[in-house]
């Protein structure tokens, strides 16, 4: 099984296109996008539901990207969120019926 790693804005944009082109993707790794991508500036993922107040300022000056986009890959078996700064609840993470491996 081939893993697709999202660790830059360009790969995030590719993942967005893959949600319709390859909806049966089974393995994905989401990494930190801080300091990467097209142009200058900080790139990060949006906070989840009920985010912790102490971390709200971390992404204050960043370009924010939607983490919920991975919910379109309904056949995920492996999901790695190892280097991602997440803050809050992300209920969509529990909607992958075939998920065997979740690394946070």
Protein backbone atom coordinates (compact mmCIF):
# COMPACT_ATOMS: atom_id res chain seq x y z
CA UNK A 1 0.00 0.00 0.00
CA UNK A 2 1.45 3.38 -1.00
CA UNK A 3 1.32 6.23 1.46
CA UNK A 4 0.55 9.80 0.44
CA UNK A 5 2.15 12.34 2.77
CA UNK A 6 0.69 15.83 3.05
CA UNK A 7 3.42 18.12 4.40
CA UNK A 8 3.16 21.17 2.16
CA UNK A 9 0.55 23.44 0.64
CA UNK A 10 1.14 21.94 -2.79
CA UNK A 11 0.44 18.45 -1.44
CA UNK A 12 -2.61 19.73 0.43
CA UNK A 13 -3.95 21.12 -2.86
CA UNK A 14 -3.18 17.78 -4.52
CA UNK A 15 -5.08 16.00 -1.74
CA UNK A 16 -8.07 18.26 -2.39
CA UNK A 17 -8.07 17.18 -6.03
CA UNK A 18 -7.61 13.54 -5.03
CA UNK A 19 -10.84 13.53 -3.02
CA UNK A 20 -12.73 13.23 -6.30
CA UNK A 21 -10.05 11.58 -8.46
CA UNK A 22 -8.99 8.92 -5.91
CA UNK A 23 -11.75 8.62 -3.29
CA UNK A 24 -10.62 5.06 -2.45
CA UNK A 25 -7.22 6.16 -1.12
CA UNK A 26 -6.40 3.83 1.78
CA UNK A 27 -3.37 5.36 3.48
CA UNK A 28 -2.52 8.99 4.18
CA UNK A 29 -0.12 10.85 6.41
CA UNK A 30 -0.82 14.44 7.42
CA UNK A 31 2.23 16.39 8.57
CA UNK A 32 3.01 19.87 9.72
CA UNK A 33 2.70 22.54 7.05
CA UNK A 34 4.26 25.30 9.13
CA UNK A 35 6.75 27.21 7.02
CA UNK A 36 6.10 25.29 3.81
CA UNK A 37 4.20 25.96 0.64
CA UNK A 38 3.76 28.43 -2.13
CA UNK A 39 4.61 31.98 -1.16
CA UNK A 40 5.62 33.19 2.24
CA UNK A 41 4.04 32.76 5.60
CA UNK A 42 2.80 30.17 7.97
CA UNK A 43 0.40 27.41 6.91
CA UNK A 44 -1.57 25.34 9.41
CA UNK A 45 -4.84 23.44 9.86
CA UNK A 46 -7.98 25.04 11.27
CA UNK A 47 -8.86 24.40 14.89
CA UNK A 48 -11.47 21.75 15.60
CA UNK A 49 -14.62 22.13 17.64
CA UNK A 50 -14.15 23.56 21.15
CA UNK A 51 -10.45 24.43 20.76
CA UNK A 52 -8.28 25.00 23.79
CA UNK A 53 -7.83 28.73 24.43
CA UNK A 54 -4.13 28.39 25.19
CA UNK A 55 -3.39 27.28 21.62
CA UNK A 56 -5.64 29.71 19.73
CA UNK A 57 -2.87 32.23 19.16
CA UNK A 58 -0.53 29.66 17.57
CA UNK A 59 -2.31 29.81 14.20
CA UNK A 60 -3.26 33.47 14.52
CA UNK A 61 -1.13 34.73 11.61
CA UNK A 62 -1.24 31.58 9.48
CA UNK A 63 -3.02 30.65 6.29
CA UNK A 64 -5.54 28.08 7.52
CA UNK A 65 -6.50 24.88 5.71
CA UNK A 66 -9.46 22.56 6.34
CA UNK A 67 -8.62 19.24 8.01
CA UNK A 68 -12.14 17.89 7.34
CA UNK A 69 -11.17 17.32 3.72
CA UNK A 70 -9.81 13.89 4.60
CA UNK A 71 -13.33 12.75 5.51
CA UNK A 72 -13.89 12.31 1.75
CA UNK A 73 -11.54 9.31 1.75
CA UNK A 74 -14.13 6.84 3.07
CA UNK A 75 -11.93 3.75 2.57
CA UNK A 76 -8.97 4.87 4.67
CA UNK A 77 -7.24 2.03 6.47
CA UNK A 78 -4.23 3.94 7.83
CA UNK A 79 -4.24 7.54 8.99
CA UNK A 80 -1.14 9.18 10.44
CA UNK A 81 -1.52 12.57 12.11
CA UNK A 82 1.85 12.36 13.86
CA UNK A 83 3.31 15.81 13.17
CA UNK A 84 0.09 17.78 12.90
CA UNK A 85 -0.82 20.48 15.39
CA UNK A 86 -4.47 19.86 16.10
CA UNK A 87 -6.52 21.79 18.63
CA UNK A 88 -10.05 20.81 19.55
CA UNK A 89 -12.37 17.96 18.64
CA UNK A 90 -12.47 16.45 15.16
CA UNK A 91 -15.53 14.13 15.10
CA UNK A 92 -14.96 13.12 11.45
CA UNK A 93 -11.95 11.05 12.62
CA UNK A 94 -14.43 8.46 13.91
CA UNK A 95 -16.26 8.04 10.58
CA UNK A 96 -13.86 5.69 8.79
CA UNK A 97 -15.40 2.19 8.96
CA UNK A 98 -12.31 0.47 7.49
CA UNK A 99 -9.72 2.30 9.60
CA UNK A 100 -7.26 -0.12 11.23
CA UNK A 101 -4.38 2.21 12.15
CA UNK A 102 -4.69 5.71 13.58
CA UNK A 103 -1.52 7.42 14.73
CA UNK A 104 -1.81 10.76 16.49
